[in-house]
Amino acid sequence: EKVRTKKSRVNYTIFPLTLAHIFGFAAIHLAITLAFFNTNWAVMPLVAFLLLCIVAPFDQRFSFFLPITWRGFRGTNAVAVTFDDGPDPLTTPLLLDLLFKHRITATFFVIGEKALEYPDLIHAILDRGHEIGNHSHTHDPLIMLRQPARLLVEISRCQHALESFGIRPLVFRPPVGITNPYLFRVLIKLGMYCVGFSRRPRDLCNRRVAGMAARILPRVAAGDLLLLHDRTPASGNPVEMWLQEVETLMTGIASRGLRLAPLSEVIRKPVMEKVDPKQVIVD
């Protein structure tokens, strides 16, 4: 399936300079310089750069391969709560009721396949005033090891699925939070940017629910982007326990004088825009 998406307003023919480019150029120049003294030394900066390319993408604070919005502004008392991997017929309705109860606007980074499978849940998320971001179409955990064309299709198909609901996400959160050298160009082409997170309870995608709130509450600070999951907890983790942990986290944040606000407010950037579903073109 080929999906023709709206062209970005950004000129994506530019050469995007990133930390990876800077460190790469530096490693090559240093290797050339060292080669004049000892050829064995020349390989050391290149090996160091290769190791950096492997390790750095696991820490979003580096923004190594592309700019990543991983936290908001500290000059506010606001914190954003985001949920990955939905929608889910078991957890999403409960979560929406909980958010409504506490008058919280959240951001759901949804999977395209699930959006098409559970359209009523996407409508419910939007009707409650929440924001929606792109979390890829199939949530392939190895997507960052695929070719650029596959990466473009994964993100574009999710965009197309969500455009049928009258919205176009401007933000993409990579599955497992890992990036690669190709992602920047793909996002520029689609008119999107990358959003990460600054706090997470290490819940292992709701496989480790018990104590979730206690693990993250002491570290939450103004401007944080919280990563939680909207998916059925793994066996041995009752959904009631998960929901209680989420509520404990929300009330705990409020008790510290912090306010749970929309992601767009915390990072001061738009998260999605409205579109006409009739303008979506499928070849």
Protein backbone atom coordinates (compact mmCIF):
# COMPACT_ATOMS: atom_id res chain seq x y z
CA GLU A 1 0.00 0.00 0.00
CA LYS A 2 1.44 3.34 -1.02
CA VAL A 3 0.27 6.32 0.96
CA ARG A 4 0.66 9.81 -0.48
CA THR A 5 1.11 12.18 2.43
CA LYS A 6 1.01 15.93 2.62
CA LYS A 7 4.38 17.42 1.74
CA SER A 8 6.26 19.07 4.56
CA ARG A 9 6.43 22.82 4.72
CA VAL A 10 10.08 22.26 5.62
CA ASN A 11 12.69 22.20 2.87
CA TYR A 12 13.96 18.68 3.43
CA THR A 13 16.63 18.91 0.72
CA ILE A 14 18.87 20.58 3.30
CA PHE A 15 21.70 18.60 4.83
CA PRO A 16 20.76 18.07 8.49
CA LEU A 17 23.85 18.50 10.66
CA THR A 18 23.72 16.49 13.89
CA LEU A 19 26.05 15.49 16.71
CA ALA A 20 26.73 12.27 14.81
CA HIS A 21 28.10 14.26 11.88
CA ILE A 22 30.23 16.47 14.12
CA PHE A 23 31.75 13.55 16.03
CA GLY A 24 32.20 11.61 12.79
CA PHE A 25 34.10 14.45 11.11
CA ALA A 26 36.21 14.90 14.24
CA ALA A 27 37.02 11.17 14.38
CA ILE A 28 38.12 11.11 10.72
CA HIS A 29 40.31 14.19 11.08
CA LEU A 30 41.88 12.88 14.27
CA ALA A 31 42.52 9.50 12.63
CA ILE A 32 44.27 11.19 9.70
CA THR A 33 46.43 13.26 12.06
CA LEU A 34 47.38 10.25 14.19
CA ALA A 35 48.26 8.26 11.08
CA PHE A 36 51.26 10.55 10.53
CA PHE A 37 52.66 9.43 13.88
CA ASN A 38 51.49 5.85 14.28
CA THR A 39 49.09 3.94 12.02
CA ASN A 40 47.96 1.79 14.95
CA TRP A 41 46.74 4.88 16.75
CA ALA A 42 44.77 6.05 13.73
CA VAL A 43 42.10 3.40 14.14
CA MET A 44 41.35 4.34 17.77
CA PRO A 45 39.14 7.43 17.13
CA LEU A 46 37.22 5.53 14.45
CA VAL A 47 36.53 2.64 16.82
CA ALA A 48 35.51 5.12 19.52
CA PHE A 49 33.08 6.80 17.12
CA LEU A 50 31.59 3.44 16.14
CA LEU A 51 31.02 2.56 19.80
CA LEU A 52 29.45 5.98 20.35
CA CYS A 53 27.04 5.34 17.43
CA ILE A 54 25.95 2.12 19.15
CA VAL A 55 25.59 3.49 22.68
CA ALA A 56 24.42 7.11 22.22
CA PRO A 57 20.98 6.35 20.65
CA PHE A 58 19.96 4.63 23.90
CA ASP A 59 20.18 7.96 25.76
CA GLN A 60 17.84 10.55 24.28
CA ARG A 61 19.58 13.41 26.08
CA PHE A 62 22.38 13.21 23.52
CA SER A 63 20.05 13.85 20.54
CA PHE A 64 22.85 12.09 18.66
CA PHE A 65 21.27 11.26 15.29
CA LEU A 66 18.56 13.93 15.35
CA PRO A 67 17.04 16.56 17.65
CA ILE A 68 14.84 14.89 20.27
CA THR A 69 12.39 16.80 22.44
CA TRP A 70 12.79 14.77 25.62
CA ARG A 71 11.74 17.30 28.25
CA GLY A 72 9.80 20.53 28.56
CA PHE A 73 10.62 23.92 30.04
CA ARG A 74 11.73 24.08 33.67
CA GLY A 75 10.24 27.53 34.12
CA THR A 76 6.80 26.06 34.63
CA ASN A 77 5.22 23.81 37.23
CA ALA A 78 3.74 21.60 34.52
CA VAL A 79 4.43 17.93 33.79
CA ALA A 80 3.18 16.04 30.73
CA VAL A 81 1.89 12.47 30.93
CA THR A 82 2.08 10.32 27.80
CA PHE A 83 0.89 6.79 27.07
CA ASP A 84 2.44 4.49 24.47
CA ASP A 85 1.23 1.38 22.62
CA GLY A 86 -2.54 1.94 22.57
CA PRO A 87 -5.34 1.98 21.98
CA ASP A 88 -6.31 -1.09 24.00
CA PRO A 89 -9.92 -2.23 24.53
CA LEU A 90 -9.23 -3.21 28.15
CA THR A 91 -7.15 -0.30 29.41
CA THR A 92 -8.01 2.74 27.25
CA PRO A 93 -11.65 3.19 28.43
CA LEU A 94 -10.57 2.90 32.08
CA LEU A 95 -7.72 5.30 31.50
CA LEU A 96 -9.96 7.85 29.81
CA ASP A 97 -12.37 7.76 32.75
CA LEU A 98 -9.50 8.22 35.19
CA LEU A 99 -8.11 11.17 33.27
CA PHE A 100 -11.57 12.74 33.10
CA LYS A 101 -11.99 12.26 36.84
CA HIS A 102 -8.80 14.20 37.53
CA ARG A 103 -9.30 16.67 34.66
CA ILE A 104 -6.01 15.75 33.02
CA THR A 105 -5.19 16.05 29.33
CA ALA A 106 -2.75 13.38 28.20
CA THR A 107 -1.02 12.44 24.95
CA PHE A 108 -1.48 8.99 23.44
CA PHE A 109 1.27 7.74 21.14
CA VAL A 110 -0.77 5.17 19.27
CA ILE A 111 0.05 2.28 16.94
CA GLY A 112 -1.50 2.58 13.48
CA GLU A 113 -2.71 -1.02 13.31
CA LYS A 114 -4.48 -0.69 16.65
CA ALA A 115 -6.03 2.62 15.64
CA LEU A 116 -7.64 0.93 12.64
CA GLU A 117 -8.68 -2.08 14.72
CA TYR A 118 -10.30 0.02 17.47
CA PRO A 119 -11.57 3.22 15.78
CA ASP A 120 -14.11 3.89 18.54
CA LEU A 121 -11.26 4.23 21.03
CA ILE A 122 -9.46 6.79 18.85
CA HIS A 123 -12.69 8.78 18.60
CA ALA A 124 -13.08 8.53 22.38
CA ILE A 125 -9.54 9.81 22.96
CA LEU A 126 -10.15 12.79 20.69
CA ASP A 127 -13.64 13.47 22.06
CA ARG A 128 -12.15 13.73 25.56
CA GLY A 129 -9.76 16.41 24.32
CA HIS A 130 -6.53 14.42 24.45
CA GLU A 131 -3.63 14.66 22.02
CA ILE A 132 -2.41 11.88 19.73
CA GLY A 133 1.07 11.13 18.43
CA ASN A 134 2.54 8.60 15.99
CA HIS A 135 4.16 5.48 17.46
CA SER A 136 4.66 3.65 14.12
CA HIS A 137 2.20 1.38 12.34
CA THR A 138 3.18 -2.05 13.66
CA HIS A 139 5.49 -1.22 16.61
CA ASP A 140 8.30 -3.30 15.18
CA PRO A 141 10.93 -3.26 17.99
CA LEU A 142 13.68 -3.66 15.38
CA ILE A 143 12.40 -0.92 13.08
CA MET A 144 15.54 1.18 13.56
CA LEU A 145 17.57 -1.65 12.02
CA ARG A 146 15.49 -1.60 8.83
CA GLN A 147 16.15 0.28 5.62
CA PRO A 148 15.05 3.95 5.35
CA ALA A 149 12.24 3.03 2.93
CA ARG A 150 10.73 0.66 5.49
CA LEU A 151 10.99 3.30 8.20
CA LEU A 152 9.19 5.81 5.96
CA VAL A 153 6.39 3.31 5.27
CA GLU A 154 5.96 2.51 8.98
CA ILE A 155 5.54 6.14 9.98
CA SER A 156 3.54 7.13 6.88
CA ARG A 157 1.03 4.30 7.26
CA CYS A 158 0.37 5.30 10.87
CA GLN A 159 -0.07 8.91 9.71
CA HIS A 160 -2.54 7.77 7.06
CA ALA A 161 -4.50 5.72 9.61
CA LEU A 162 -4.80 8.71 11.92
CA GLU A 163 -5.63 11.16 9.14
CA SER A 164 -8.80 9.14 8.58
CA PHE A 165 -9.88 10.42 12.01
CA GLY A 166 -9.35 14.04 10.98
CA ILE A 167 -5.97 14.62 12.63
CA ARG A 168 -2.35 14.57 11.59
CA PRO A 169 0.24 14.01 14.32
CA LEU A 170 3.30 16.25 14.20
CA VAL A 171 5.22 14.14 16.71
CA PHE A 172 6.76 10.69 16.42
CA ARG A 173 8.00 8.54 19.29
CA PRO A 174 10.19 5.63 18.15
CA PRO A 175 9.33 2.14 19.40
CA VAL A 176 11.64 1.25 22.32
CA GLY A 177 12.90 4.84 22.24
CA ILE A 178 15.86 4.11 19.94
CA THR A 179 16.77 6.19 16.88
CA ASN A 180 19.01 5.73 13.83
CA PRO A 181 20.77 7.93 11.22
CA TYR A 182 17.84 7.74 8.77
CA LEU A 183 15.05 8.91 11.07
CA PHE A 184 15.86 12.61 10.85
CA ARG A 185 15.41 12.76 7.07
CA VAL A 186 12.19 10.73 7.22
CA LEU A 187 10.67 13.04 9.84
CA ILE A 188 11.72 16.18 7.98
CA LYS A 189 10.11 14.79 4.84
CA LEU A 190 6.86 14.16 6.72
CA GLY A 191 6.92 17.51 8.54
CA MET A 192 7.31 15.88 11.95
CA TYR A 193 9.68 15.96 14.90
CA CYS A 194 10.81 13.38 17.45
CA VAL A 195 9.53 13.31 21.03
CA GLY A 196 11.07 11.22 23.77
CA PHE A 197 10.65 11.25 27.54
CA SER A 198 12.53 12.28 30.66
CA ARG A 199 10.90 10.00 33.25
CA ARG A 200 9.56 6.46 33.15
CA PRO A 201 8.74 3.92 35.87
CA ARG A 202 10.58 1.10 34.06
CA ASP A 203 7.35 -0.85 33.89
CA LEU A 204 8.63 -3.02 31.02
CA CYS A 205 5.52 -2.25 28.95
CA ASN A 206 3.19 -3.04 31.87
CA ARG A 207 4.99 -6.26 32.72
CA ARG A 208 6.21 -4.72 36.00
CA VAL A 209 3.25 -2.82 37.38
CA ALA A 210 3.65 -3.20 41.17
CA GLY A 211 5.38 -0.21 42.74
CA MET A 212 5.27 1.76 39.50
CA ALA A 213 4.27 5.06 41.15
CA ALA A 214 6.82 4.74 43.96
CA ARG A 215 9.64 4.23 41.47
CA ILE A 216 9.01 7.45 39.60
CA LEU A 217 7.38 9.91 42.03
CA PRO A 218 10.54 10.93 43.95
CA ARG A 219 12.23 11.95 40.70
CA VAL A 220 9.42 13.85 38.95
CA ALA A 221 10.23 17.52 38.36
CA ALA A 222 8.77 20.47 36.47
CA GLY A 223 9.04 20.08 32.71
CA ASP A 224 9.21 16.29 32.78
CA LEU A 225 7.67 14.16 30.06
CA LEU A 226 6.36 10.97 31.68
CA LEU A 227 6.23 7.72 29.73
CA LEU A 228 3.55 5.21 30.71
CA HIS A 229 1.82 2.48 28.71
CA ASP A 230 -1.76 2.04 27.57
CA ARG A 231 -1.84 -1.72 27.10
CA THR A 232 -3.19 -4.76 28.91
CA PRO A 233 -0.82 -5.62 31.78
CA ALA A 234 1.09 -8.87 31.50
CA SER A 235 -0.11 -11.98 33.28
CA GLY A 236 0.10 -11.60 37.05
CA ASN A 237 -0.47 -7.83 36.89
CA PRO A 238 -4.21 -7.18 37.37
CA VAL A 239 -5.56 -4.23 35.42
CA GLU A 240 -6.99 -2.86 38.68
CA MET A 241 -3.47 -2.74 40.13
CA TRP A 242 -2.19 -0.93 37.06
CA LEU A 243 -5.01 1.62 37.17
CA GLN A 244 -4.42 2.25 40.87
CA GLU A 245 -0.71 2.81 40.25
CA VAL A 246 -1.49 5.34 37.53
CA GLU A 247 -3.92 7.18 39.81
CA THR A 248 -1.43 7.14 42.69
CA LEU A 249 1.16 8.65 40.38
CA MET A 250 -1.20 11.41 39.23
CA THR A 251 -2.36 12.36 42.71
CA GLY A 252 1.22 12.18 43.98
CA ILE A 253 2.41 14.61 41.32
CA ALA A 254 -0.41 17.02 42.18
CA SER A 255 0.44 16.81 45.91
CA ARG A 256 3.94 18.06 45.08
CA GLY A 257 2.53 21.27 43.65
CA LEU A 258 3.00 20.18 40.05
CA ARG A 259 0.32 20.33 37.38
CA LEU A 260 -0.31 17.64 34.77
CA ALA A 261 -0.67 19.57 31.51
CA PRO A 262 -0.95 18.72 27.79
CA LEU A 263 2.31 17.80 26.08
CA SER A 264 1.93 20.70 23.66
CA GLU A 265 1.85 23.12 26.59
CA VAL A 266 4.85 21.63 28.37
CA ILE A 267 7.12 21.57 25.29
CA ARG A 268 5.51 24.68 23.72
CA LYS A 269 5.10 23.05 20.33
CA PRO A 270 2.00 21.77 18.52
CA VAL A 271 1.51 18.01 18.79
CA MET A 272 -1.10 17.47 16.08
CA GLU A 273 -3.18 19.36 13.55
CA LYS A 274 -6.64 18.89 12.11
CA VAL A 275 -7.08 17.67 8.53
CA ASP A 276 -9.91 16.80 6.22
CA PRO A 277 -10.15 12.97 6.08
CA LYS A 278 -11.55 13.24 2.54
CA GLN A 279 -8.21 14.62 1.30
CA VAL A 280 -6.33 11.46 2.22
CA ILE A 281 -5.20 9.82 -1.03
CA VAL A 282 -4.37 6.14 -1.27
CA ASP A 283 -2.76 4.70 -4.41
